[in-house]
């Protein structure tokens, strides 16, 4: 089973990488970009077919390692 975890910064948390990307896009002539928020995408291949257990395991992985829940949100997708 494949899973995808998307991790993004919470609203209100400064995003220096996003600002750098926004500045670079503007310097390349993309003036219509008002804001950029940068995150990360993690794809996992899981053994087993129990979706409920997979979701519980993924939530545990995010809480313990994949996301810093103080400043980041995460979204789990089973594919």
N, C-alpha and C. Protein backbone atom coordinates (compact mmCIF):
# COMPACT_ATOMS: atom_id res chain seq x y z
N UNK A 1 0.85 -1.16 0.00
CA UNK A 1 0.00 0.00 0.00
C UNK A 1 0.90 1.23 0.00
N UNK A 2 0.53 2.21 -0.79
CA UNK A 2 1.31 3.45 -0.86
C UNK A 2 0.63 4.52 -0.03
N UNK A 3 1.45 5.36 0.57
CA UNK A 3 0.95 6.47 1.37
C UNK A 3 1.72 7.72 1.00
N UNK A 4 1.05 8.84 1.16
CA UNK A 4 1.67 10.13 0.89
C UNK A 4 1.39 11.02 2.10
N UNK A 5 2.44 11.63 2.64
CA UNK A 5 2.31 12.56 3.75
C UNK A 5 2.79 13.92 3.26
N UNK A 6 1.93 14.91 3.39
CA UNK A 6 2.27 16.28 3.02
C UNK A 6 2.42 17.09 4.30
N UNK A 7 3.58 17.71 4.46
CA UNK A 7 3.87 18.49 5.66
C UNK A 7 4.04 19.95 5.25
N UNK A 8 3.30 20.83 5.93
CA UNK A 8 3.39 22.27 5.64
C UNK A 8 3.50 23.03 6.95
N UNK A 9 4.06 24.22 6.85
CA UNK A 9 4.15 25.08 8.03
C UNK A 9 2.77 25.59 8.40
N UNK A 10 2.53 25.73 9.69
CA UNK A 10 1.26 26.29 10.16
C UNK A 10 1.19 27.77 9.78
N UNK A 11 -0.03 28.28 9.63
CA UNK A 11 -0.22 29.70 9.36
C UNK A 11 0.40 30.51 10.49
N UNK A 12 1.05 31.59 10.14
CA UNK A 12 1.68 32.45 11.14
C UNK A 12 3.14 32.11 11.39
N UNK A 13 3.59 30.95 10.94
CA UNK A 13 5.00 30.58 11.11
C UNK A 13 5.78 31.14 9.93
N UNK A 14 6.85 31.85 10.21
CA UNK A 14 7.66 32.44 9.13
C UNK A 14 8.24 31.34 8.25
N UNK A 15 8.26 31.60 6.95
CA UNK A 15 8.75 30.63 5.97
C UNK A 15 9.84 31.27 5.12
N UNK A 16 11.10 31.27 5.60
CA UNK A 16 12.17 31.91 4.84
C UNK A 16 12.42 31.26 3.49
N UNK A 17 12.25 29.94 3.39
CA UNK A 17 12.44 29.29 2.08
C UNK A 17 11.35 29.74 1.11
N UNK A 18 10.14 29.85 1.59
CA UNK A 18 9.05 30.34 0.75
C UNK A 18 9.32 31.74 0.25
N UNK A 19 9.82 32.61 1.14
CA UNK A 19 10.14 33.99 0.74
C UNK A 19 11.27 34.01 -0.29
N UNK A 20 12.27 33.13 -0.13
CA UNK A 20 13.37 33.05 -1.09
C UNK A 20 12.85 32.60 -2.46
N UNK A 21 11.95 31.62 -2.46
CA UNK A 21 11.37 31.16 -3.72
C UNK A 21 10.56 32.26 -4.36
N UNK A 22 9.78 32.97 -3.56
CA UNK A 22 8.97 34.07 -4.08
C UNK A 22 9.86 35.14 -4.72
N UNK A 23 10.96 35.49 -4.04
CA UNK A 23 11.88 36.48 -4.58
C UNK A 23 12.52 36.01 -5.87
N UNK A 24 12.90 34.74 -5.93
CA UNK A 24 13.51 34.21 -7.15
C UNK A 24 12.51 34.21 -8.30
N UNK A 25 11.27 33.85 -8.02
CA UNK A 25 10.25 33.86 -9.08
C UNK A 25 10.03 35.27 -9.61
N UNK A 26 9.98 36.24 -8.69
CA UNK A 26 9.82 37.63 -9.13
C UNK A 26 10.99 38.07 -9.99
N UNK A 27 12.21 37.67 -9.60
CA UNK A 27 13.39 38.07 -10.38
C UNK A 27 13.41 37.39 -11.75
N UNK A 28 12.68 36.29 -11.89
CA UNK A 28 12.57 35.62 -13.19
C UNK A 28 11.41 36.16 -14.01
N UNK A 29 10.72 37.16 -13.49
CA UNK A 29 9.65 37.79 -14.24
C UNK A 29 8.24 37.32 -13.90
N UNK A 30 8.09 36.49 -12.89
CA UNK A 30 6.77 36.01 -12.47
C UNK A 30 6.24 36.95 -11.38
N UNK A 31 5.77 38.13 -11.80
CA UNK A 31 5.40 39.18 -10.86
C UNK A 31 4.07 38.91 -10.15
N UNK A 32 3.26 38.00 -10.65
CA UNK A 32 1.94 37.75 -10.08
C UNK A 32 1.93 36.82 -8.89
N UNK A 33 3.08 36.44 -8.36
CA UNK A 33 3.13 35.53 -7.22
C UNK A 33 3.11 36.37 -5.94
N UNK A 34 2.01 36.30 -5.20
CA UNK A 34 1.85 37.12 -4.00
C UNK A 34 2.44 36.48 -2.75
N UNK A 35 2.48 35.15 -2.69
CA UNK A 35 3.01 34.48 -1.50
C UNK A 35 3.41 33.06 -1.89
N UNK A 36 4.42 32.53 -1.22
CA UNK A 36 4.85 31.15 -1.42
C UNK A 36 5.05 30.52 -0.05
N UNK A 37 4.49 29.34 0.13
CA UNK A 37 4.71 28.54 1.33
C UNK A 37 5.33 27.23 0.87
N UNK A 38 6.47 26.88 1.42
CA UNK A 38 7.20 25.70 1.01
C UNK A 38 6.96 24.60 2.02
N UNK A 39 6.80 23.36 1.56
CA UNK A 39 6.59 22.23 2.46
C UNK A 39 7.38 21.03 1.97
N UNK A 40 6.96 19.87 2.43
CA UNK A 40 7.64 18.65 1.98
C UNK A 40 6.61 17.56 1.74
N UNK A 41 6.94 16.69 0.81
CA UNK A 41 6.11 15.55 0.45
C UNK A 41 6.91 14.29 0.72
N UNK A 42 6.32 13.36 1.47
CA UNK A 42 6.98 12.10 1.81
C UNK A 42 6.11 10.97 1.31
N UNK A 43 6.67 10.11 0.45
CA UNK A 43 5.94 8.95 -0.05
C UNK A 43 6.49 7.70 0.61
N UNK A 44 5.59 6.85 1.06
CA UNK A 44 5.98 5.63 1.76
C UNK A 44 5.30 4.43 1.11
N UNK A 45 5.99 3.32 1.09
CA UNK A 45 5.43 2.03 0.65
C UNK A 45 5.25 1.20 1.91
N UNK A 46 4.00 0.84 2.21
CA UNK A 46 3.69 0.11 3.44
C UNK A 46 3.29 -1.32 3.11
N UNK A 47 3.73 -2.25 3.94
CA UNK A 47 3.28 -3.63 3.77
C UNK A 47 1.95 -3.79 4.50
N UNK A 48 1.18 -4.77 4.09
CA UNK A 48 -0.12 -5.00 4.71
C UNK A 48 -1.24 -4.31 3.95
N UNK A 49 -2.47 -4.66 4.30
CA UNK A 49 -3.62 -4.12 3.58
C UNK A 49 -4.66 -3.51 4.51
N UNK A 50 -4.36 -3.43 5.78
CA UNK A 50 -5.30 -2.88 6.76
C UNK A 50 -5.20 -1.36 6.76
N UNK A 51 -6.17 -0.70 6.13
CA UNK A 51 -6.15 0.76 6.00
C UNK A 51 -6.23 1.46 7.36
N UNK A 52 -7.03 0.94 8.26
CA UNK A 52 -7.19 1.56 9.57
C UNK A 52 -5.87 1.53 10.33
N UNK A 53 -5.19 0.38 10.31
CA UNK A 53 -3.90 0.27 10.99
C UNK A 53 -2.85 1.14 10.30
N UNK A 54 -2.89 1.19 8.98
CA UNK A 54 -1.93 2.02 8.23
C UNK A 54 -2.10 3.50 8.60
N UNK A 55 -3.34 3.97 8.67
CA UNK A 55 -3.59 5.36 9.04
C UNK A 55 -3.10 5.64 10.46
N UNK A 56 -3.35 4.71 11.37
CA UNK A 56 -2.89 4.89 12.75
C UNK A 56 -1.36 4.92 12.81
N UNK A 57 -0.71 4.02 12.07
CA UNK A 57 0.76 4.00 12.04
C UNK A 57 1.31 5.28 11.45
N UNK A 58 0.71 5.75 10.36
CA UNK A 58 1.18 6.98 9.71
C UNK A 58 1.03 8.18 10.64
N UNK A 59 -0.09 8.26 11.34
CA UNK A 59 -0.29 9.36 12.29
C UNK A 59 0.80 9.31 13.35
N UNK A 60 1.10 8.12 13.85
CA UNK A 60 2.15 7.96 14.85
C UNK A 60 3.51 8.37 14.28
N UNK A 61 3.80 7.98 13.04
CA UNK A 61 5.06 8.37 12.39
C UNK A 61 5.18 9.88 12.29
N UNK A 62 4.08 10.52 11.91
CA UNK A 62 4.09 11.98 11.78
C UNK A 62 4.31 12.65 13.12
N UNK A 63 3.61 12.18 14.13
CA UNK A 63 3.72 12.78 15.46
C UNK A 63 5.12 12.59 16.07
N UNK A 64 5.78 11.48 15.74
CA UNK A 64 7.08 11.17 16.34
C UNK A 64 8.29 11.63 15.52
N UNK A 65 8.13 11.71 14.17
CA UNK A 65 9.32 11.96 13.36
C UNK A 65 9.09 12.86 12.14
N UNK A 66 8.07 12.57 11.37
CA UNK A 66 7.95 13.20 10.05
C UNK A 66 7.56 14.68 10.09
N UNK A 67 6.85 15.09 11.13
CA UNK A 67 6.43 16.49 11.23
C UNK A 67 6.76 17.03 12.62
N UNK A 68 7.13 18.28 12.66
CA UNK A 68 7.29 18.99 13.92
C UNK A 68 5.94 19.63 14.21
N UNK A 69 5.12 18.97 15.00
CA UNK A 69 3.73 19.40 15.17
C UNK A 69 3.58 20.72 15.91
N UNK A 70 4.65 21.25 16.45
CA UNK A 70 4.59 22.58 17.06
C UNK A 70 4.42 23.64 15.98
N UNK A 71 5.11 23.47 14.86
CA UNK A 71 5.08 24.49 13.80
C UNK A 71 4.56 23.96 12.46
N UNK A 72 4.28 22.66 12.35
CA UNK A 72 3.87 22.09 11.07
C UNK A 72 2.55 21.33 11.18
N UNK A 73 1.81 21.37 10.10
CA UNK A 73 0.62 20.53 9.91
C UNK A 73 1.00 19.39 8.98
N UNK A 74 0.24 18.30 9.03
CA UNK A 74 0.47 17.22 8.07
C UNK A 74 -0.87 16.67 7.59
N UNK A 75 -0.83 16.12 6.39
CA UNK A 75 -2.01 15.48 5.79
C UNK A 75 -1.58 14.11 5.28
N UNK A 76 -2.36 13.11 5.59
CA UNK A 76 -2.06 11.73 5.21
C UNK A 76 -3.02 11.30 4.11
N UNK A 77 -2.47 10.66 3.07
CA UNK A 77 -3.28 10.09 2.00
C UNK A 77 -2.84 8.64 1.78
N UNK A 78 -3.78 7.74 1.73
CA UNK A 78 -3.48 6.35 1.32
C UNK A 78 -3.87 6.23 -0.14
N UNK A 79 -2.96 5.71 -0.93
CA UNK A 79 -3.17 5.65 -2.38
C UNK A 79 -3.47 4.23 -2.79
